[in-house]
N, C-alpha and C. Protein backbone atom coordinates (compact mmCIF):
# COMPACT_ATOMS: atom_id res chain seq x y z
N UNK A 1 -111.51 28.51 -40.53
CA UNK A 1 -112.92 28.39 -40.23
C UNK A 1 -113.39 29.60 -39.44
N UNK A 2 -114.55 30.13 -39.83
CA UNK A 2 -115.08 31.31 -39.16
C UNK A 2 -115.43 30.98 -37.71
N UNK A 3 -115.24 31.94 -36.81
CA UNK A 3 -115.54 31.74 -35.41
C UNK A 3 -117.06 31.60 -35.21
N UNK A 4 -117.41 30.74 -34.27
CA UNK A 4 -118.82 30.59 -33.90
C UNK A 4 -119.12 31.61 -32.81
N UNK A 5 -120.09 32.46 -33.04
CA UNK A 5 -120.36 33.56 -32.12
C UNK A 5 -121.43 33.22 -31.08
N UNK A 6 -122.27 32.21 -31.35
CA UNK A 6 -123.36 31.86 -30.45
C UNK A 6 -123.17 30.43 -29.96
N UNK A 7 -123.26 30.23 -28.66
CA UNK A 7 -123.10 28.90 -28.08
C UNK A 7 -124.27 28.01 -28.53
N UNK A 8 -123.99 26.96 -29.33
CA UNK A 8 -125.07 26.08 -29.82
C UNK A 8 -125.75 25.29 -28.71
N UNK A 9 -125.13 25.22 -27.53
CA UNK A 9 -125.75 24.52 -26.41
C UNK A 9 -126.97 25.27 -25.87
N UNK A 10 -127.06 26.54 -26.20
CA UNK A 10 -128.18 27.34 -25.71
C UNK A 10 -129.39 27.31 -26.67
N UNK A 11 -129.22 26.68 -27.83
CA UNK A 11 -130.29 26.68 -28.84
C UNK A 11 -131.28 25.53 -28.60
N UNK A 12 -132.50 25.74 -28.97
CA UNK A 12 -133.54 24.72 -28.87
C UNK A 12 -134.05 24.37 -30.27
N UNK A 13 -134.37 23.10 -30.46
CA UNK A 13 -134.87 22.65 -31.77
C UNK A 13 -136.22 23.33 -32.08
N UNK A 14 -136.38 23.85 -33.27
CA UNK A 14 -137.65 24.48 -33.64
C UNK A 14 -138.81 23.46 -33.60
N UNK A 15 -139.99 23.96 -33.44
CA UNK A 15 -141.20 23.12 -33.43
C UNK A 15 -141.65 22.94 -34.87
N UNK A 16 -141.04 21.92 -35.53
CA UNK A 16 -141.33 21.71 -36.95
C UNK A 16 -142.77 21.20 -37.18
N UNK A 17 -143.46 20.78 -36.14
CA UNK A 17 -144.85 20.31 -36.29
C UNK A 17 -145.85 21.46 -36.29
N UNK A 18 -145.37 22.65 -35.94
CA UNK A 18 -146.28 23.79 -35.86
C UNK A 18 -146.64 24.29 -37.27
N UNK A 19 -147.68 25.11 -37.31
CA UNK A 19 -148.16 25.67 -38.58
C UNK A 19 -147.12 26.57 -39.22
N UNK A 20 -146.25 27.15 -38.38
CA UNK A 20 -145.24 28.07 -38.92
C UNK A 20 -144.28 27.36 -39.86
N UNK A 21 -144.12 26.04 -39.72
CA UNK A 21 -143.19 25.29 -40.56
C UNK A 21 -143.92 24.40 -41.57
N UNK A 22 -145.19 24.67 -41.81
CA UNK A 22 -145.98 23.87 -42.77
C UNK A 22 -145.37 23.92 -44.16
N UNK A 23 -144.90 25.09 -44.56
CA UNK A 23 -144.33 25.24 -45.89
C UNK A 23 -143.06 24.40 -46.04
N UNK A 24 -142.28 24.26 -44.93
CA UNK A 24 -141.05 23.48 -44.98
C UNK A 24 -141.39 21.98 -45.04
N UNK A 25 -142.46 21.57 -44.38
CA UNK A 25 -142.84 20.15 -44.39
C UNK A 25 -143.46 19.74 -45.74
N UNK A 26 -144.06 20.66 -46.46
CA UNK A 26 -144.84 20.35 -47.66
C UNK A 26 -144.06 19.56 -48.70
N UNK A 27 -142.82 19.92 -49.05
CA UNK A 27 -142.10 19.15 -50.08
C UNK A 27 -141.91 17.68 -49.69
N UNK A 28 -141.68 17.44 -48.39
CA UNK A 28 -141.51 16.05 -47.96
C UNK A 28 -142.83 15.28 -48.04
N UNK A 29 -143.94 15.97 -47.67
CA UNK A 29 -145.25 15.32 -47.73
C UNK A 29 -145.62 15.02 -49.18
N UNK A 30 -145.27 15.91 -50.07
CA UNK A 30 -145.56 15.70 -51.49
C UNK A 30 -144.80 14.50 -52.04
N UNK A 31 -143.72 14.13 -51.36
CA UNK A 31 -142.92 12.99 -51.80
C UNK A 31 -143.35 11.71 -51.13
N UNK A 32 -144.54 11.60 -50.72
CA UNK A 32 -145.14 10.39 -50.16
C UNK A 32 -144.81 10.16 -48.70
N UNK A 33 -144.32 11.19 -47.97
CA UNK A 33 -144.09 11.09 -46.52
C UNK A 33 -145.35 11.55 -45.79
N UNK A 34 -145.51 11.01 -44.62
CA UNK A 34 -146.59 11.53 -43.78
C UNK A 34 -146.10 12.80 -43.10
N UNK A 35 -147.01 13.53 -42.50
CA UNK A 35 -146.64 14.77 -41.81
C UNK A 35 -145.70 14.46 -40.65
N UNK A 36 -145.97 13.35 -39.91
CA UNK A 36 -145.13 12.98 -38.78
C UNK A 36 -143.72 12.61 -39.24
N UNK A 37 -143.63 11.90 -40.39
CA UNK A 37 -142.31 11.53 -40.92
C UNK A 37 -141.51 12.77 -41.34
N UNK A 38 -142.18 13.72 -41.91
CA UNK A 38 -141.51 14.96 -42.32
C UNK A 38 -140.99 15.71 -41.11
N UNK A 39 -141.80 15.76 -40.04
CA UNK A 39 -141.35 16.45 -38.81
C UNK A 39 -140.13 15.73 -38.23
N UNK A 40 -140.20 14.39 -38.17
CA UNK A 40 -139.07 13.63 -37.61
C UNK A 40 -137.80 13.86 -38.41
N UNK A 41 -137.92 13.90 -39.74
CA UNK A 41 -136.75 14.13 -40.59
C UNK A 41 -136.14 15.50 -40.33
N UNK A 42 -136.98 16.50 -40.22
CA UNK A 42 -136.48 17.86 -39.96
C UNK A 42 -135.81 17.96 -38.59
N UNK A 43 -136.42 17.31 -37.58
CA UNK A 43 -135.82 17.34 -36.24
C UNK A 43 -134.47 16.64 -36.23
N UNK A 44 -134.41 15.48 -36.88
CA UNK A 44 -133.13 14.75 -36.94
C UNK A 44 -132.05 15.56 -37.66
N UNK A 45 -132.43 16.22 -38.72
CA UNK A 45 -131.48 17.03 -39.48
C UNK A 45 -130.96 18.19 -38.64
N UNK A 46 -131.88 18.84 -37.93
CA UNK A 46 -131.44 19.98 -37.07
C UNK A 46 -130.53 19.48 -35.96
N UNK A 47 -130.89 18.35 -35.33
CA UNK A 47 -130.09 17.81 -34.23
C UNK A 47 -128.69 17.43 -34.69
N UNK A 48 -128.60 16.85 -35.87
CA UNK A 48 -127.29 16.48 -36.42
C UNK A 48 -126.43 17.73 -36.61
N UNK A 49 -127.00 18.76 -37.20
CA UNK A 49 -126.24 19.99 -37.39
C UNK A 49 -125.86 20.66 -36.09
N UNK A 50 -126.78 20.62 -35.09
CA UNK A 50 -126.50 21.25 -33.79
C UNK A 50 -125.38 20.51 -33.06
N UNK A 51 -125.38 19.19 -33.16
CA UNK A 51 -124.31 18.41 -32.52
C UNK A 51 -122.94 18.74 -33.14
N UNK A 52 -122.93 18.91 -34.46
CA UNK A 52 -121.67 19.28 -35.13
C UNK A 52 -121.22 20.66 -34.66
N UNK A 53 -122.17 21.59 -34.49
CA UNK A 53 -121.83 22.95 -34.02
C UNK A 53 -121.32 22.90 -32.58
N UNK A 54 -121.91 22.02 -31.75
CA UNK A 54 -121.43 21.90 -30.37
C UNK A 54 -119.99 21.43 -30.32
N UNK A 55 -119.68 20.45 -31.17
CA UNK A 55 -118.30 19.95 -31.21
C UNK A 55 -117.34 21.04 -31.67
N UNK A 56 -117.74 21.81 -32.69
CA UNK A 56 -116.90 22.91 -33.18
C UNK A 56 -116.76 23.99 -32.11
N UNK A 57 -117.83 24.25 -31.36
CA UNK A 57 -117.80 25.25 -30.29
C UNK A 57 -116.81 24.85 -29.18
N UNK A 58 -116.84 23.56 -28.80
CA UNK A 58 -115.92 23.08 -27.77
C UNK A 58 -114.48 23.15 -28.25
N UNK A 59 -114.26 22.80 -29.53
CA UNK A 59 -112.90 22.89 -30.08
C UNK A 59 -112.42 24.34 -30.06
N UNK A 60 -113.34 25.26 -30.37
CA UNK A 60 -112.99 26.69 -30.36
C UNK A 60 -112.63 27.15 -28.96
N UNK A 61 -113.38 26.68 -27.94
CA UNK A 61 -113.07 27.03 -26.55
C UNK A 61 -111.70 26.48 -26.15
N UNK A 62 -111.43 25.22 -26.54
CA UNK A 62 -110.13 24.61 -26.21
C UNK A 62 -108.98 25.39 -26.85
N UNK A 63 -109.18 25.83 -28.10
CA UNK A 63 -108.14 26.61 -28.78
C UNK A 63 -107.92 27.95 -28.09
N UNK A 64 -109.02 28.57 -27.63
CA UNK A 64 -108.89 29.86 -26.94
C UNK A 64 -108.11 29.70 -25.63
N UNK A 65 -108.40 28.61 -24.89
CA UNK A 65 -107.69 28.36 -23.64
C UNK A 65 -106.21 28.11 -23.90
N UNK A 66 -105.92 27.32 -24.93
CA UNK A 66 -104.52 27.02 -25.26
C UNK A 66 -103.78 28.28 -25.68
N UNK A 67 -104.45 29.14 -26.45
CA UNK A 67 -103.81 30.39 -26.89
C UNK A 67 -103.55 31.30 -25.70
N UNK A 68 -104.52 31.37 -24.76
CA UNK A 68 -104.33 32.20 -23.57
C UNK A 68 -103.18 31.68 -22.71
N UNK A 69 -103.09 30.35 -22.58
CA UNK A 69 -102.00 29.75 -21.82
C UNK A 69 -100.65 30.06 -22.46
N UNK A 70 -100.61 30.01 -23.79
CA UNK A 70 -99.36 30.29 -24.50
C UNK A 70 -98.94 31.74 -24.30
N UNK A 71 -99.92 32.66 -24.36
CA UNK A 71 -99.59 34.07 -24.14
C UNK A 71 -99.09 34.31 -22.72
N UNK A 72 -99.74 33.64 -21.75
CA UNK A 72 -99.30 33.79 -20.37
C UNK A 72 -97.89 33.23 -20.18
N UNK A 73 -97.62 32.11 -20.84
CA UNK A 73 -96.29 31.49 -20.74
C UNK A 73 -95.23 32.40 -21.33
N UNK A 74 -95.53 32.97 -22.50
CA UNK A 74 -94.57 33.87 -23.14
C UNK A 74 -94.34 35.12 -22.29
N UNK A 75 -95.43 35.63 -21.70
CA UNK A 75 -95.30 36.82 -20.85
C UNK A 75 -94.47 36.51 -19.61
N UNK A 76 -94.68 35.31 -19.02
CA UNK A 76 -93.91 34.92 -17.84
C UNK A 76 -92.43 34.75 -18.20
N UNK A 77 -92.15 34.18 -19.36
CA UNK A 77 -90.76 34.03 -19.79
C UNK A 77 -90.10 35.38 -19.99
N UNK A 78 -90.84 36.31 -20.62
CA UNK A 78 -90.30 37.65 -20.86
C UNK A 78 -90.02 38.36 -19.54
N UNK A 79 -90.93 38.22 -18.57
CA UNK A 79 -90.73 38.86 -17.27
C UNK A 79 -89.54 38.24 -16.54
N UNK A 80 -89.40 36.93 -16.62
CA UNK A 80 -88.26 36.26 -15.97
C UNK A 80 -86.94 36.72 -16.60
N UNK A 81 -86.92 36.86 -17.92
CA UNK A 81 -85.71 37.32 -18.60
C UNK A 81 -85.40 38.76 -18.22
N UNK A 82 -86.46 39.58 -18.08
CA UNK A 82 -86.24 40.98 -17.70
C UNK A 82 -85.64 41.07 -16.30
N UNK A 83 -86.21 40.28 -15.36
CA UNK A 83 -85.70 40.30 -13.99
C UNK A 83 -84.27 39.77 -13.92
N UNK A 84 -83.99 38.74 -14.71
CA UNK A 84 -82.63 38.19 -14.73
C UNK A 84 -81.64 39.22 -15.26
N UNK A 85 -82.05 39.94 -16.31
CA UNK A 85 -81.19 40.98 -16.86
C UNK A 85 -80.96 42.09 -15.85
N UNK A 86 -82.02 42.48 -15.13
CA UNK A 86 -81.87 43.52 -14.11
C UNK A 86 -80.94 43.06 -13.00
N UNK A 87 -81.06 41.81 -12.59
CA UNK A 87 -80.20 41.28 -11.54
C UNK A 87 -78.74 41.25 -11.99
N UNK A 88 -78.52 40.83 -13.24
CA UNK A 88 -77.14 40.81 -13.75
C UNK A 88 -76.57 42.21 -13.82
N UNK A 89 -77.40 43.18 -14.25
CA UNK A 89 -76.94 44.57 -14.31
C UNK A 89 -76.61 45.09 -12.91
N UNK A 90 -77.46 44.74 -11.93
CA UNK A 90 -77.23 45.20 -10.56
C UNK A 90 -75.96 44.58 -9.99
N UNK A 91 -75.75 43.29 -10.26
CA UNK A 91 -74.55 42.62 -9.77
C UNK A 91 -73.30 43.22 -10.40
N UNK A 92 -73.38 43.51 -11.69
CA UNK A 92 -72.23 44.10 -12.37
C UNK A 92 -71.95 45.50 -11.83
N UNK A 93 -73.03 46.27 -11.59
CA UNK A 93 -72.86 47.62 -11.06
C UNK A 93 -72.22 47.58 -9.68
N UNK A 94 -72.62 46.58 -8.86
CA UNK A 94 -72.03 46.45 -7.53
C UNK A 94 -70.56 46.06 -7.63
N UNK A 95 -70.24 45.16 -8.55
CA UNK A 95 -68.84 44.77 -8.73
C UNK A 95 -68.00 45.97 -9.14
N UNK A 96 -68.54 46.78 -10.07
CA UNK A 96 -67.81 47.96 -10.50
C UNK A 96 -67.62 48.93 -9.35
N UNK A 97 -68.67 49.09 -8.52
CA UNK A 97 -68.58 50.01 -7.40
C UNK A 97 -67.60 49.50 -6.36
N UNK A 98 -67.55 48.18 -6.16
CA UNK A 98 -66.61 47.61 -5.20
C UNK A 98 -65.17 47.84 -5.63
N UNK A 99 -64.94 47.79 -6.95
CA UNK A 99 -63.59 48.05 -7.45
C UNK A 99 -63.24 49.52 -7.30
N UNK A 100 -64.23 50.39 -7.52
CA UNK A 100 -63.99 51.83 -7.50
C UNK A 100 -63.91 52.37 -6.08
N UNK A 101 -64.75 51.84 -5.19
CA UNK A 101 -64.81 52.36 -3.81
C UNK A 101 -64.63 51.19 -2.83
N UNK A 102 -63.42 50.70 -2.75
CA UNK A 102 -63.15 49.53 -1.91
C UNK A 102 -63.45 49.81 -0.44
N UNK A 103 -63.22 51.04 -0.01
CA UNK A 103 -63.42 51.36 1.39
C UNK A 103 -64.84 51.20 1.86
N UNK A 104 -65.80 51.35 0.96
CA UNK A 104 -67.21 51.23 1.33
C UNK A 104 -67.59 49.81 1.70
N UNK A 105 -66.81 48.83 1.25
CA UNK A 105 -67.17 47.43 1.43
C UNK A 105 -66.24 46.71 2.41
N UNK A 106 -65.49 47.48 3.19
CA UNK A 106 -64.65 46.87 4.22
C UNK A 106 -65.55 46.29 5.30
N UNK A 107 -65.31 45.07 5.68
CA UNK A 107 -66.14 44.41 6.70
C UNK A 107 -66.01 45.14 8.03
N UNK A 108 -67.14 45.38 8.69
CA UNK A 108 -67.15 46.05 9.99
C UNK A 108 -67.35 44.99 11.07
N UNK A 109 -66.38 44.77 11.93
CA UNK A 109 -66.51 43.73 12.96
C UNK A 109 -67.56 44.11 14.00
N UNK A 110 -68.26 43.11 14.52
CA UNK A 110 -69.28 43.34 15.55
C UNK A 110 -68.61 43.37 16.92
N UNK A 111 -68.07 44.53 17.25
CA UNK A 111 -67.41 44.70 18.54
C UNK A 111 -67.47 46.17 18.92
N UNK A 112 -67.21 46.48 20.18
CA UNK A 112 -67.28 47.89 20.62
C UNK A 112 -66.27 48.73 19.87
N UNK A 113 -66.50 50.05 19.82
CA UNK A 113 -65.54 50.94 19.15
C UNK A 113 -64.15 50.80 19.78
N UNK A 114 -63.11 50.92 18.99
CA UNK A 114 -61.75 50.80 19.53
C UNK A 114 -61.48 51.88 20.58
N UNK A 115 -60.80 51.49 21.66
CA UNK A 115 -60.50 52.44 22.73
C UNK A 115 -59.01 52.55 23.02
N UNK A 116 -58.22 51.84 22.22
CA UNK A 116 -56.78 51.80 22.51
C UNK A 116 -56.07 53.07 22.05
N UNK A 117 -56.51 53.61 20.94
CA UNK A 117 -55.81 54.77 20.38
C UNK A 117 -56.01 55.97 21.29
N UNK A 118 -54.93 56.62 21.63
CA UNK A 118 -54.98 57.80 22.48
C UNK A 118 -55.13 59.02 21.57
N UNK A 119 -56.34 59.50 21.47
CA UNK A 119 -56.64 60.59 20.54
C UNK A 119 -56.67 61.90 21.30
N UNK A 120 -55.92 62.88 20.83
CA UNK A 120 -55.92 64.22 21.44
C UNK A 120 -56.28 65.25 20.37
N UNK A 121 -57.58 65.46 20.15
CA UNK A 121 -57.97 66.48 19.17
C UNK A 121 -57.71 67.87 19.73
N UNK A 122 -57.99 68.87 18.93
CA UNK A 122 -57.80 70.25 19.37
C UNK A 122 -58.61 70.51 20.64
N UNK A 123 -58.02 71.29 21.53
CA UNK A 123 -58.68 71.55 22.80
C UNK A 123 -60.05 72.17 22.65
N UNK A 124 -60.18 73.10 21.71
CA UNK A 124 -61.49 73.75 21.55
C UNK A 124 -62.51 72.77 20.98
N UNK A 125 -62.06 71.77 20.20
CA UNK A 125 -62.99 70.75 19.72
C UNK A 125 -63.46 69.87 20.86
N UNK A 126 -62.54 69.55 21.79
CA UNK A 126 -62.91 68.74 22.94
C UNK A 126 -63.91 69.46 23.82
N UNK A 127 -63.70 70.77 24.01
CA UNK A 127 -64.63 71.53 24.84
C UNK A 127 -66.01 71.62 24.19
N UNK A 128 -66.05 71.75 22.88
CA UNK A 128 -67.34 71.77 22.19
C UNK A 128 -68.05 70.43 22.35
N UNK A 129 -67.28 69.35 22.29
CA UNK A 129 -67.87 68.02 22.47
C UNK A 129 -68.41 67.87 23.88
N UNK A 130 -67.64 68.35 24.89
CA UNK A 130 -68.08 68.24 26.29
C UNK A 130 -69.37 69.02 26.52
N UNK A 131 -69.55 70.12 25.79
CA UNK A 131 -70.75 70.94 25.95
C UNK A 131 -71.94 70.41 25.14
N UNK A 132 -71.69 69.32 24.41
CA UNK A 132 -72.76 68.77 23.59
C UNK A 132 -73.02 69.54 22.32
N UNK A 133 -72.02 70.33 21.88
CA UNK A 133 -72.16 71.12 20.67
C UNK A 133 -71.70 70.32 19.45
N UNK A 134 -72.12 70.79 18.30
CA UNK A 134 -71.71 70.13 17.05
C UNK A 134 -70.21 70.30 16.84
N UNK A 135 -69.54 69.21 16.53
CA UNK A 135 -68.09 69.22 16.28
C UNK A 135 -67.84 68.59 14.92
N UNK A 136 -67.13 69.30 14.06
CA UNK A 136 -66.82 68.78 12.73
C UNK A 136 -65.92 67.56 12.86
N UNK A 137 -66.17 66.55 12.02
CA UNK A 137 -65.36 65.34 12.02
C UNK A 137 -63.92 65.61 11.61
N UNK A 138 -63.69 66.74 10.97
CA UNK A 138 -62.34 67.10 10.54
C UNK A 138 -61.36 67.02 11.71
N UNK A 139 -61.82 67.41 12.91
CA UNK A 139 -60.92 67.43 14.07
C UNK A 139 -60.41 66.04 14.42
N UNK A 140 -61.12 64.98 13.97
CA UNK A 140 -60.75 63.62 14.34
C UNK A 140 -60.09 62.87 13.19
N UNK A 141 -59.83 63.54 12.09
CA UNK A 141 -59.07 62.93 11.01
C UNK A 141 -57.59 63.00 11.33
N UNK A 142 -56.77 62.27 10.59
CA UNK A 142 -55.33 62.34 10.80
C UNK A 142 -54.84 63.77 10.64
N UNK A 143 -55.39 64.45 9.64
CA UNK A 143 -54.97 65.84 9.40
C UNK A 143 -55.37 66.72 10.58
N UNK A 144 -56.59 66.52 11.07
CA UNK A 144 -57.04 67.34 12.19
C UNK A 144 -56.21 67.11 13.44
N UNK A 145 -55.83 65.85 13.70
CA UNK A 145 -54.99 65.56 14.86
C UNK A 145 -53.60 66.14 14.70
N UNK A 146 -53.07 66.10 13.46
CA UNK A 146 -51.76 66.71 13.21
C UNK A 146 -51.82 68.21 13.46
N UNK A 147 -52.91 68.84 13.03
CA UNK A 147 -53.05 70.29 13.27
C UNK A 147 -53.14 70.59 14.76
N UNK A 148 -53.81 69.69 15.50
CA UNK A 148 -53.94 69.89 16.95
C UNK A 148 -52.58 69.81 17.62
N UNK A 149 -51.76 68.83 17.18
CA UNK A 149 -50.42 68.72 17.77
C UNK A 149 -49.58 69.95 17.42
N UNK A 150 -49.74 70.43 16.19
CA UNK A 150 -48.95 71.59 15.77
C UNK A 150 -49.41 72.87 16.45
N UNK A 151 -50.64 72.87 16.94
CA UNK A 151 -51.21 74.09 17.51
C UNK A 151 -51.02 74.18 19.02
N UNK A 152 -50.26 73.21 19.60
CA UNK A 152 -50.03 73.26 21.04
C UNK A 152 -49.35 74.59 21.39
N UNK A 153 -49.90 75.32 22.34
CA UNK A 153 -49.33 76.60 22.75
C UNK A 153 -49.91 77.76 22.00
N UNK A 154 -50.74 77.50 20.96
CA UNK A 154 -51.37 78.60 20.24
C UNK A 154 -52.50 79.15 21.08
N UNK A 155 -52.94 80.35 20.81
CA UNK A 155 -53.96 81.02 21.60
C UNK A 155 -55.18 80.14 21.80
N UNK A 156 -55.77 80.20 23.00
CA UNK A 156 -56.95 79.41 23.34
C UNK A 156 -58.13 79.83 22.48
N UNK A 157 -59.09 78.94 22.37
CA UNK A 157 -60.28 79.19 21.56
C UNK A 157 -61.03 80.44 22.01
N UNK A 158 -61.03 80.71 23.33
CA UNK A 158 -61.78 81.85 23.84
C UNK A 158 -61.01 83.15 23.72
N UNK A 159 -59.73 83.08 23.39
CA UNK A 159 -58.95 84.30 23.25
C UNK A 159 -59.38 85.07 22.02
N UNK A 160 -59.06 86.35 21.99
CA UNK A 160 -59.45 87.21 20.87
C UNK A 160 -58.22 87.49 20.01
N UNK A 161 -58.45 87.55 18.72
CA UNK A 161 -57.39 87.86 17.78
C UNK A 161 -57.89 88.88 16.78
N UNK A 162 -56.99 89.68 16.20
CA UNK A 162 -57.38 90.75 15.30
C UNK A 162 -57.45 90.21 13.87
N UNK A 163 -58.50 90.66 13.12
CA UNK A 163 -58.66 90.25 11.73
C UNK A 163 -58.76 91.47 10.86
N UNK A 164 -58.08 91.44 9.69
CA UNK A 164 -58.14 92.52 8.72
C UNK A 164 -59.38 92.33 7.84
N UNK A 165 -60.30 93.29 7.84
CA UNK A 165 -61.51 93.22 7.02
C UNK A 165 -61.23 93.64 5.59
N UNK A 166 -62.16 93.34 4.69
CA UNK A 166 -61.99 93.68 3.28
C UNK A 166 -61.92 95.18 3.04
N UNK A 167 -62.58 95.96 3.90
CA UNK A 167 -62.60 97.42 3.68
C UNK A 167 -61.42 98.14 4.31
N UNK A 168 -60.45 97.36 4.84
CA UNK A 168 -59.27 97.96 5.43
C UNK A 168 -59.34 98.12 6.92
N UNK A 169 -60.52 98.00 7.49
CA UNK A 169 -60.66 98.13 8.94
C UNK A 169 -60.28 96.82 9.60
N UNK A 170 -60.17 96.86 10.90
CA UNK A 170 -59.85 95.66 11.66
C UNK A 170 -60.96 95.39 12.66
N UNK A 171 -61.06 94.11 13.05
CA UNK A 171 -62.06 93.73 14.05
C UNK A 171 -61.50 92.58 14.87
N UNK A 172 -62.09 92.42 16.07
CA UNK A 172 -61.64 91.36 16.97
C UNK A 172 -62.60 90.17 16.86
N UNK A 173 -62.01 88.98 16.68
CA UNK A 173 -62.81 87.76 16.64
C UNK A 173 -62.11 86.72 17.52
N UNK A 174 -62.84 85.64 17.86
CA UNK A 174 -62.24 84.60 18.70
C UNK A 174 -61.20 83.83 17.89
N UNK A 175 -60.19 83.35 18.59
CA UNK A 175 -59.13 82.58 17.92
C UNK A 175 -59.70 81.32 17.29
N UNK A 176 -60.67 80.70 17.95
CA UNK A 176 -61.29 79.49 17.41
C UNK A 176 -61.96 79.77 16.08
N UNK A 177 -62.67 80.90 15.98
CA UNK A 177 -63.34 81.25 14.72
C UNK A 177 -62.34 81.47 13.62
N UNK A 178 -61.23 82.10 13.94
CA UNK A 178 -60.20 82.35 12.93
C UNK A 178 -59.64 81.05 12.40
N UNK A 179 -59.39 80.10 13.31
CA UNK A 179 -58.86 78.82 12.88
C UNK A 179 -59.87 78.06 12.03
N UNK A 180 -61.14 78.04 12.49
CA UNK A 180 -62.19 77.30 11.78
C UNK A 180 -62.33 77.79 10.36
N UNK A 181 -62.30 79.08 10.18
CA UNK A 181 -62.51 79.64 8.84
C UNK A 181 -61.40 79.28 7.89
N UNK A 182 -60.22 79.03 8.40
CA UNK A 182 -59.08 78.80 7.53
C UNK A 182 -58.88 77.34 7.14
N UNK A 183 -59.05 76.43 8.11
CA UNK A 183 -58.57 75.07 7.85
C UNK A 183 -59.60 73.96 7.97
N UNK A 184 -60.76 74.25 8.52
CA UNK A 184 -61.72 73.17 8.77
C UNK A 184 -62.37 72.72 7.47
N UNK A 185 -62.40 71.41 7.25
CA UNK A 185 -63.08 70.81 6.09
C UNK A 185 -64.45 70.33 6.55
N UNK A 186 -65.49 70.79 5.89
CA UNK A 186 -66.84 70.39 6.28
C UNK A 186 -67.02 68.88 6.10
N UNK A 187 -67.94 68.32 6.92
CA UNK A 187 -68.17 66.87 6.87
C UNK A 187 -68.51 66.39 5.46
N UNK A 188 -69.33 67.14 4.74
CA UNK A 188 -69.76 66.73 3.41
C UNK A 188 -68.62 66.70 2.41
N UNK A 189 -67.51 67.37 2.74
CA UNK A 189 -66.38 67.43 1.80
C UNK A 189 -65.27 66.45 2.18
N UNK A 190 -65.43 65.72 3.26
CA UNK A 190 -64.41 64.75 3.65
C UNK A 190 -64.38 63.58 2.68
N UNK A 191 -63.19 63.07 2.42
CA UNK A 191 -63.06 61.88 1.61
C UNK A 191 -63.49 60.67 2.42
N UNK A 192 -63.77 59.57 1.73
CA UNK A 192 -64.23 58.36 2.43
C UNK A 192 -63.16 57.85 3.40
N UNK A 193 -61.91 57.93 3.01
CA UNK A 193 -60.85 57.48 3.89
C UNK A 193 -60.79 58.32 5.16
N UNK A 194 -61.06 59.61 5.03
CA UNK A 194 -61.05 60.48 6.20
C UNK A 194 -62.21 60.17 7.14
N UNK A 195 -63.36 59.80 6.54
CA UNK A 195 -64.50 59.41 7.38
C UNK A 195 -64.17 58.15 8.17
N UNK A 196 -63.48 57.20 7.52
CA UNK A 196 -63.08 55.97 8.22
C UNK A 196 -62.12 56.28 9.36
N UNK A 197 -61.32 57.32 9.22
CA UNK A 197 -60.42 57.72 10.29
C UNK A 197 -61.18 58.39 11.44
N UNK A 198 -62.11 59.29 11.07
CA UNK A 198 -62.70 60.18 12.06
C UNK A 198 -63.85 59.58 12.85
N UNK A 199 -64.72 58.82 12.18
CA UNK A 199 -65.95 58.37 12.84
C UNK A 199 -65.67 57.52 14.09
N UNK A 200 -64.81 56.48 14.03
CA UNK A 200 -64.55 55.71 15.25
C UNK A 200 -63.99 56.57 16.39
N UNK A 201 -63.13 57.51 16.07
CA UNK A 201 -62.56 58.37 17.10
C UNK A 201 -63.61 59.28 17.71
N UNK A 202 -64.49 59.81 16.86
CA UNK A 202 -65.55 60.69 17.36
C UNK A 202 -66.51 59.92 18.26
N UNK A 203 -66.81 58.66 17.91
CA UNK A 203 -67.71 57.84 18.73
C UNK A 203 -67.11 57.62 20.11
N UNK A 204 -65.82 57.30 20.15
CA UNK A 204 -65.15 57.09 21.44
C UNK A 204 -65.15 58.38 22.26
N UNK A 205 -64.95 59.51 21.58
CA UNK A 205 -64.91 60.80 22.29
C UNK A 205 -66.26 61.16 22.91
N UNK A 206 -67.34 60.66 22.30
CA UNK A 206 -68.67 60.95 22.85
C UNK A 206 -68.87 60.26 24.18
């Protein structure tokens, strides 16, 4: 059925008694009806048709509402399925990451930093810490502590040592600089396990 484009509730019955509708009344009058009877017949006929149009209009509105509700329901279902799929993907990604990087998910107890371990980092690292200077976490890793123990008796950080330059000449630099250039691992290059070693020790040293 074709859609009704105009709300029949807004229409008014034509004035069939007016001169403008004389030609429409004439056939009924010629059939032995009075003018009043012809007008009444035309009004009744229009009202019957208008009532049918009103019913069809209301049915059309009800169908439009039902269709809109169905579209909204389908859209809500699709959105719920999308969010569920995203959540499942996120959960799976987290499970994969937990298997790959177990150290990242180790539970951290709510207690003060450990103070039992007697940590002796390199002397020049300790002095830098005391002065409030930046100290690489490398010094507080197991490797850094081993290097500190092995370096006992080696020249102090402030001492000068000779370095061979690329052009064959020599120059004097601090012993600390010479050591740093050779063995220090930058923080960004530390492995996760080394960070777990170094961070608690560095916090205690502060």
